[in-house]
Amino acid sequence: MKEGQKVKERTLQIIRELMEQKLNKIDAFVKRIQISDGFSNDESRKRWNLTVP
């Protein structure tokens, strides 16, 4: 019983670590998109007819 509990805890720890890695990757990806979305420069704002308040 005790061995099974250890395995379960270790499995949950691994899952948490993997989820955290995945979230970090997604976070980095989103930041990269925000930086490179093209709306940061005036030229693309004109092209898309966007005005910044």
Protein backbone atom coordinates (compact mmCIF):
# COMPACT_ATOMS: atom_id res chain seq x y z
CA MET A 1 0.00 0.00 0.00
CA LYS A 2 2.76 2.41 0.94
CA GLU A 3 4.62 1.68 -2.31
CA GLY A 4 1.49 2.43 -4.32
CA GLN A 5 1.08 5.75 -2.54
CA LYS A 6 4.70 6.68 -3.38
CA VAL A 7 4.14 5.83 -7.04
CA LYS A 8 0.95 7.90 -7.09
CA GLU A 9 2.65 10.92 -5.51
CA ARG A 10 5.60 10.66 -7.90
CA THR A 11 3.23 10.39 -10.87
CA LEU A 12 1.33 13.48 -9.75
CA GLN A 13 4.60 15.36 -9.28
CA ILE A 14 5.73 14.45 -12.81
CA ILE A 15 2.36 15.53 -14.24
CA ARG A 16 2.59 18.86 -12.40
CA GLU A 17 6.11 19.44 -13.74
CA LEU A 18 5.06 18.64 -17.30
CA MET A 19 2.01 20.90 -17.06
CA GLU A 20 4.18 23.71 -15.74
CA GLN A 21 6.62 23.27 -18.63
CA LYS A 22 3.73 23.31 -21.08
CA LEU A 23 2.28 26.47 -19.53
CA ASN A 24 5.68 28.15 -19.69
CA LYS A 25 5.97 27.25 -23.38
CA ILE A 26 2.48 28.55 -24.10
CA ASP A 27 3.23 31.75 -22.15
CA ALA A 28 6.44 32.31 -24.12
CA PHE A 29 4.59 31.61 -27.37
CA VAL A 30 1.84 34.12 -26.53
CA LYS A 31 4.42 36.77 -25.63
CA ARG A 32 6.20 36.13 -28.93
CA ILE A 33 2.93 36.58 -30.82
CA GLN A 34 2.16 39.81 -28.96
CA ILE A 35 5.58 41.17 -29.89
CA SER A 36 5.37 40.12 -33.54
CA ASP A 37 1.68 40.71 -34.25
CA GLY A 38 2.61 43.71 -36.40
CA PHE A 39 0.17 46.08 -34.75
CA SER A 40 2.96 47.75 -32.87
CA ASN A 41 4.05 49.82 -35.85
CA ASP A 42 2.20 52.69 -37.49
CA GLU A 43 2.38 51.25 -41.00
CA SER A 44 0.27 48.21 -40.18
CA ARG A 45 -2.14 50.34 -38.17
CA LYS A 46 -2.80 52.37 -41.30
CA ARG A 47 -3.12 49.22 -43.36
CA TRP A 48 -5.69 47.78 -40.96
CA ASN A 49 -7.32 51.16 -40.37
CA LEU A 50 -6.73 50.95 -36.66
CA THR A 51 -6.50 53.87 -34.36
CA VAL A 52 -4.94 53.74 -30.95
CA PRO A 53 -6.93 55.51 -28.27
